[in-house]
Amino acid sequence: MNKPTTVEQAPQHVKLAVDLIMLLEQNQVPPQQVLDALEIVKQDYLKKAHAEIEQKN
C-alpha cells in the first residue's frame, strides 16, 4: 500500500501554497480579496519570469 504524501514531502510550490492558504485563513481574508490580490501577484510574477527568460537569452 502507498503512504499518503505529506506536505513535508511535497514540492516547494505546494508547500508555499499551503502556507499561503493557512496565512489567509488565519487572518480571515475574504475570498474575493484573496482572488483580487492573487491576480495582482500573478501578473507581477509573470513579468518577473519573462524578464528572467529575457536575461538568459
C-alpha atoms as a PDB file:
ATOM      1  CA  MET A   1       0.000   0.000   0.000  1.00  0.00           C
ATOM      2  CA  ASN A   2       1.218   3.536  -0.777  1.00  0.00           C
ATOM      3  CA  LYS A   3       1.553   6.001   2.057  1.00  0.00           C
ATOM      4  CA  PRO A   4      -0.236   9.323   1.552  1.00  0.00           C
ATOM      5  CA  THR A   5       2.143  12.147   0.659  1.00  0.00           C
ATOM      6  CA  THR A   6       2.702  14.619   3.466  1.00  0.00           C
ATOM      7  CA  VAL A   7       3.208  18.329   2.991  1.00  0.00           C
ATOM      8  CA  GLU A   8       6.840  17.917   4.037  1.00  0.00           C
ATOM      9  CA  GLN A   9       7.419  15.632   1.056  1.00  0.00           C
ATOM     10  CA  ALA A  10       5.550  17.883  -1.369  1.00  0.00           C
ATOM     11  CA  PRO A  11       7.265  20.075  -3.979  1.00  0.00           C
ATOM     12  CA  GLN A  12       8.219  23.583  -2.835  1.00  0.00           C
ATOM     13  CA  HIS A  13       5.385  25.274  -4.758  1.00  0.00           C
ATOM     14  CA  VAL A  14       2.826  23.077  -2.978  1.00  0.00           C
ATOM     15  CA  LYS A  15       4.359  23.893   0.410  1.00  0.00           C
ATOM     16  CA  LEU A  16       4.205  27.596  -0.437  1.00  0.00           C
ATOM     17  CA  ALA A  17       0.557  27.288  -1.481  1.00  0.00           C
ATOM     18  CA  VAL A  18      -0.341  25.518   1.772  1.00  0.00           C
ATOM     19  CA  ASP A  19       1.475  28.187   3.808  1.00  0.00           C
ATOM     20  CA  LEU A  20      -0.308  30.985   1.940  1.00  0.00           C
ATOM     21  CA  ILE A  21      -3.712  29.343   2.381  1.00  0.00           C
ATOM     22  CA  MET A  22      -3.099  28.913   6.101  1.00  0.00           C
ATOM     23  CA  LEU A  23      -1.977  32.546   6.470  1.00  0.00           C
ATOM     24  CA  LEU A  24      -5.002  33.860   4.599  1.00  0.00           C
ATOM     25  CA  GLU A  25      -7.427  31.644   6.512  1.00  0.00           C
ATOM     26  CA  GLN A  26      -5.898  32.520   9.892  1.00  0.00           C
ATOM     27  CA  ASN A  27      -6.341  36.207   9.056  1.00  0.00           C
ATOM     28  CA  GLN A  28      -9.885  35.582   7.774  1.00  0.00           C
ATOM     29  CA  VAL A  29      -9.254  37.387   4.499  1.00  0.00           C
ATOM     30  CA  PRO A  30     -12.438  37.344   2.400  1.00  0.00           C
ATOM     31  CA  PRO A  31     -12.216  35.081  -0.658  1.00  0.00           C
ATOM     32  CA  GLN A  32     -12.770  37.857  -3.217  1.00  0.00           C
ATOM     33  CA  GLN A  33      -9.993  39.954  -1.674  1.00  0.00           C
ATOM     34  CA  VAL A  34      -7.678  36.954  -1.894  1.00  0.00           C
ATOM     35  CA  LEU A  35      -8.571  36.352  -5.531  1.00  0.00           C
ATOM     36  CA  ASP A  36      -8.102  40.017  -6.437  1.00  0.00           C
ATOM     37  CA  ALA A  37      -4.736  40.141  -4.668  1.00  0.00           C
ATOM     38  CA  LEU A  38      -3.603  36.878  -6.248  1.00  0.00           C
ATOM     39  CA  GLU A  39      -4.313  38.271  -9.712  1.00  0.00           C
ATOM     40  CA  ILE A  40      -2.016  41.215  -8.975  1.00  0.00           C
ATOM     41  CA  VAL A  41       0.664  38.882  -7.607  1.00  0.00           C
ATOM     42  CA  LYS A  42       0.323  36.584 -10.628  1.00  0.00           C
ATOM     43  CA  GLN A  43       0.748  39.443 -13.092  1.00  0.00           C
ATOM     44  CA  ASP A  44       3.800  40.717 -11.203  1.00  0.00           C
ATOM     45  CA  TYR A  45       5.451  37.308 -11.163  1.00  0.00           C
ATOM     46  CA  LEU A  46       4.653  36.680 -14.816  1.00  0.00           C
ATOM     47  CA  LYS A  47       6.552  39.893 -15.615  1.00  0.00           C
ATOM     48  CA  LYS A  48       9.460  38.780 -13.411  1.00  0.00           C
ATOM     49  CA  ALA A  49       9.546  35.326 -15.033  1.00  0.00           C
ATOM     50  CA  HIS A  50       9.502  36.910 -18.504  1.00  0.00           C
ATOM     51  CA  ALA A  51      12.351  39.259 -17.519  1.00  0.00           C
ATOM     52  CA  GLU A  52      14.400  36.284 -16.270  1.00  0.00           C
ATOM     53  CA  ILE A  53      13.900  34.478 -19.573  1.00  0.00           C
ATOM     54  CA  GLU A  54      14.918  37.613 -21.492  1.00  0.00           C
ATOM     55  CA  GLN A  55      18.085  37.960 -19.386  1.00  0.00           C
ATOM     56  CA  LYS A  56      19.106  34.387 -20.177  1.00  0.00           C
ATOM     57  CA  ASN A  57      18.797  34.983 -23.933  1.00  0.00           C
END
